[in-house]
Amino acid sequence: MTNKTIGKHGENIAKDFLIKKGFEIIELNYHYSKIAEIDIIAQKNNILHFIEVKTRTNINAGSPLEAINAKKLKSIYICAKYYLLNCKKRYSKIQIDAIGIVLNNEAYTINFIENISL
């Protein structure tokens, strides 16, 4: 599997996970520019969630969530601002969440952290 294939597989797992948790998926892979992208935009209980998904096949280089650094968060904030400027619906609250997935053949582990920041 290529890194891109692994990432897409992880995003599909995350999407299904969120739907089972009662989230409504609004956008997948929302781009503001070549450097700013949000993997999943979803809403639940009038809260808009901007969700970063990181997927790994092992944790030799650290957990998937450790890959979300200040630079990545800044690009998510920029992209989220752009989305909100162009969004017709208003939400009572917004937040940035993260999902880390470790694949192990057909099985996986998933870690969902809401309202992240540095």
C-alpha atoms as a PDB file:
ATOM      1  CA  MET A   1       0.000   0.000   0.000  1.00  0.00           C
ATOM      2  CA  THR A   2       1.182   3.504  -0.762  1.00  0.00           C
ATOM      3  CA  ASN A   3       0.980   6.296   1.806  1.00  0.00           C
ATOM      4  CA  LYS A   4      -1.873   7.839  -0.176  1.00  0.00           C
ATOM      5  CA  THR A   5      -3.799   4.539  -0.187  1.00  0.00           C
ATOM      6  CA  ILE A   6      -3.208   4.099   3.549  1.00  0.00           C
ATOM      7  CA  GLY A   7      -4.445   7.655   4.171  1.00  0.00           C
ATOM      8  CA  LYS A   8      -7.603   7.165   2.112  1.00  0.00           C
ATOM      9  CA  HIS A   9      -8.323   3.863   3.864  1.00  0.00           C
ATOM     10  CA  GLY A  10      -7.936   5.593   7.229  1.00  0.00           C
ATOM     11  CA  GLU A  11     -10.245   8.436   6.194  1.00  0.00           C
ATOM     12  CA  ASN A  12     -12.920   5.911   5.181  1.00  0.00           C
ATOM     13  CA  ILE A  13     -12.600   4.162   8.547  1.00  0.00           C
ATOM     14  CA  ALA A  14     -12.847   7.548  10.306  1.00  0.00           C
ATOM     15  CA  LYS A  15     -15.899   8.542   8.266  1.00  0.00           C
ATOM     16  CA  ASP A  16     -17.711   5.311   9.132  1.00  0.00           C
ATOM     17  CA  PHE A  17     -16.714   5.704  12.799  1.00  0.00           C
ATOM     18  CA  LEU A  18     -18.131   9.250  12.918  1.00  0.00           C
ATOM     19  CA  ILE A  19     -21.388   8.243  11.229  1.00  0.00           C
ATOM     20  CA  LYS A  20     -21.853   5.481  13.828  1.00  0.00           C
ATOM     21  CA  LYS A  21     -21.286   8.112  16.537  1.00  0.00           C
ATOM     22  CA  GLY A  22     -24.115  10.255  15.121  1.00  0.00           C
ATOM     23  CA  PHE A  23     -22.115  12.772  13.085  1.00  0.00           C
ATOM     24  CA  GLU A  24     -23.373  14.094   9.762  1.00  0.00           C
ATOM     25  CA  ILE A  25     -20.547  14.262   7.222  1.00  0.00           C
ATOM     26  CA  ILE A  26     -20.593  17.578   5.356  1.00  0.00           C
ATOM     27  CA  GLU A  27     -17.327  17.560   3.386  1.00  0.00           C
ATOM     28  CA  LEU A  28     -14.446  15.198   2.714  1.00  0.00           C
ATOM     29  CA  ASN A  29     -10.970  16.469   1.785  1.00  0.00           C
ATOM     30  CA  TYR A  30     -11.938  20.154   1.777  1.00  0.00           C
ATOM     31  CA  HIS A  31      -9.167  22.255   0.188  1.00  0.00           C
ATOM     32  CA  TYR A  32      -8.463  25.943   0.677  1.00  0.00           C
ATOM     33  CA  SER A  33      -5.195  25.877  -1.232  1.00  0.00           C
ATOM     34  CA  LYS A  34      -2.475  23.411  -2.106  1.00  0.00           C
ATOM     35  CA  ILE A  35      -1.172  23.559   1.461  1.00  0.00           C
ATOM     36  CA  ALA A  36      -4.400  23.712   3.473  1.00  0.00           C
ATOM     37  CA  GLU A  37      -6.817  20.791   3.643  1.00  0.00           C
ATOM     38  CA  ILE A  38      -9.280  19.408   6.160  1.00  0.00           C
ATOM     39  CA  ASP A  39      -9.870  15.669   5.958  1.00  0.00           C
ATOM     40  CA  ILE A  40     -13.433  15.636   7.292  1.00  0.00           C
ATOM     41  CA  ILE A  41     -15.925  18.374   8.102  1.00  0.00           C
ATOM     42  CA  ALA A  42     -18.870  17.059  10.080  1.00  0.00           C
ATOM     43  CA  GLN A  43     -21.584  18.321  12.379  1.00  0.00           C
ATOM     44  CA  LYS A  44     -23.339  17.000  15.426  1.00  0.00           C
ATOM     45  CA  ASN A  45     -25.665  18.854  17.814  1.00  0.00           C
ATOM     46  CA  ASN A  46     -25.124  22.127  15.907  1.00  0.00           C
ATOM     47  CA  ILE A  47     -21.359  21.905  16.514  1.00  0.00           C
ATOM     48  CA  LEU A  48     -19.170  22.042  13.420  1.00  0.00           C
ATOM     49  CA  HIS A  49     -16.163  19.686  13.625  1.00  0.00           C
ATOM     50  CA  PHE A  50     -13.025  20.061  11.517  1.00  0.00           C
ATOM     51  CA  ILE A  51     -11.371  16.655  11.768  1.00  0.00           C
ATOM     52  CA  GLU A  52      -7.792  15.713  10.963  1.00  0.00           C
ATOM     53  CA  VAL A  53      -7.209  12.006  10.315  1.00  0.00           C
ATOM     54  CA  LYS A  54      -3.782  10.403  10.646  1.00  0.00           C
ATOM     55  CA  THR A  55      -3.253   6.752   9.746  1.00  0.00           C
ATOM     56  CA  ARG A  56      -0.234   4.517  10.292  1.00  0.00           C
ATOM     57  CA  THR A  57       0.489   0.837   9.682  1.00  0.00           C
ATOM     58  CA  ASN A  58       2.604   0.659  12.854  1.00  0.00           C
ATOM     59  CA  ILE A  59       3.765   2.910  15.690  1.00  0.00           C
ATOM     60  CA  ASN A  60       7.526   2.509  15.153  1.00  0.00           C
ATOM     61  CA  ALA A  61       7.792   6.228  14.367  1.00  0.00           C
ATOM     62  CA  GLY A  62       5.244   7.229  17.033  1.00  0.00           C
ATOM     63  CA  SER A  63       1.482   7.319  17.230  1.00  0.00           C
ATOM     64  CA  PRO A  64      -0.492   8.830  14.345  1.00  0.00           C
ATOM     65  CA  LEU A  65      -1.669  11.709  16.534  1.00  0.00           C
ATOM     66  CA  GLU A  66       1.928  12.746  17.232  1.00  0.00           C
ATOM     67  CA  ALA A  67       2.124  13.794  13.573  1.00  0.00           C
ATOM     68  CA  ILE A  68      -0.252  16.704  14.209  1.00  0.00           C
ATOM     69  CA  ASN A  69       2.120  19.538  14.971  1.00  0.00           C
ATOM     70  CA  ALA A  70       1.805  23.332  15.216  1.00  0.00           C
ATOM     71  CA  LYS A  71       2.326  23.783  11.467  1.00  0.00           C
ATOM     72  CA  LYS A  72      -0.451  21.294  10.657  1.00  0.00           C
ATOM     73  CA  LEU A  73      -2.828  22.893  13.163  1.00  0.00           C
ATOM     74  CA  LYS A  74      -2.150  26.331  11.670  1.00  0.00           C
ATOM     75  CA  SER A  75      -3.065  25.079   8.185  1.00  0.00           C
ATOM     76  CA  ILE A  76      -6.267  23.527   9.594  1.00  0.00           C
ATOM     77  CA  TYR A  77      -7.178  26.856  11.262  1.00  0.00           C
ATOM     78  CA  ILE A  78      -6.594  28.732   7.994  1.00  0.00           C
ATOM     79  CA  CYS A  79      -8.698  26.270   6.026  1.00  0.00           C
ATOM     80  CA  ALA A  80     -11.453  26.302   8.667  1.00  0.00           C
ATOM     81  CA  LYS A  81     -11.622  30.116   8.558  1.00  0.00           C
ATOM     82  CA  TYR A  82     -11.985  30.007   4.784  1.00  0.00           C
ATOM     83  CA  TYR A  83     -14.719  27.379   5.040  1.00  0.00           C
ATOM     84  CA  LEU A  84     -16.632  29.441   7.623  1.00  0.00           C
ATOM     85  CA  LEU A  85     -16.419  32.584   5.488  1.00  0.00           C
ATOM     86  CA  ASN A  86     -18.090  30.702   2.643  1.00  0.00           C
ATOM     87  CA  CYS A  87     -20.530  28.622   4.696  1.00  0.00           C
ATOM     88  CA  LYS A  88     -24.184  29.691   4.624  1.00  0.00           C
ATOM     89  CA  LYS A  89     -25.176  27.837   7.791  1.00  0.00           C
ATOM     90  CA  ARG A  90     -24.195  29.185  11.193  1.00  0.00           C
ATOM     91  CA  TYR A  91     -23.161  26.873  14.003  1.00  0.00           C
ATOM     92  CA  SER A  92     -23.313  27.474  17.752  1.00  0.00           C
ATOM     93  CA  LYS A  93     -19.779  26.163  18.184  1.00  0.00           C
ATOM     94  CA  ILE A  94     -16.834  24.972  16.123  1.00  0.00           C
ATOM     95  CA  GLN A  95     -13.916  22.774  17.082  1.00  0.00           C
ATOM     96  CA  ILE A  96     -10.949  20.902  15.684  1.00  0.00           C
ATOM     97  CA  ASP A  97     -10.773  17.184  16.398  1.00  0.00           C
ATOM     98  CA  ALA A  98      -8.270  14.448  15.561  1.00  0.00           C
ATOM     99  CA  ILE A  99      -8.589  10.778  14.746  1.00  0.00           C
ATOM    100  CA  GLY A 100      -5.560   8.514  14.874  1.00  0.00           C
ATOM    101  CA  ILE A 101      -5.778   5.087  13.259  1.00  0.00           C
ATOM    102  CA  VAL A 102      -3.271   2.241  13.396  1.00  0.00           C
ATOM    103  CA  LEU A 103      -3.898  -0.457  10.815  1.00  0.00           C
ATOM    104  CA  ASN A 104      -3.066  -4.086  11.545  1.00  0.00           C
ATOM    105  CA  ASN A 105      -4.013  -6.217   8.532  1.00  0.00           C
ATOM    106  CA  GLU A 106      -7.835  -6.243   8.530  1.00  0.00           C
ATOM    107  CA  ALA A 107      -8.055  -4.913  12.108  1.00  0.00           C
ATOM    108  CA  TYR A 108      -7.352  -1.409  13.366  1.00  0.00           C
ATOM    109  CA  THR A 109      -7.315   0.717  16.477  1.00  0.00           C
ATOM    110  CA  ILE A 110      -8.872   4.160  16.513  1.00  0.00           C
ATOM    111  CA  ASN A 111      -8.282   7.070  18.872  1.00  0.00           C
ATOM    112  CA  PHE A 112     -10.667  10.050  18.702  1.00  0.00           C
ATOM    113  CA  ILE A 113      -9.716  13.264  20.486  1.00  0.00           C
ATOM    114  CA  GLU A 114     -12.139  16.168  20.469  1.00  0.00           C
ATOM    115  CA  ASN A 115     -11.295  19.868  20.631  1.00  0.00           C
ATOM    116  CA  ILE A 116      -7.519  19.702  20.161  1.00  0.00           C
ATOM    117  CA  SER A 117      -5.084  22.584  20.355  1.00  0.00           C
ATOM    118  CA  LEU A 118      -1.435  23.153  21.143  1.00  0.00           C
END
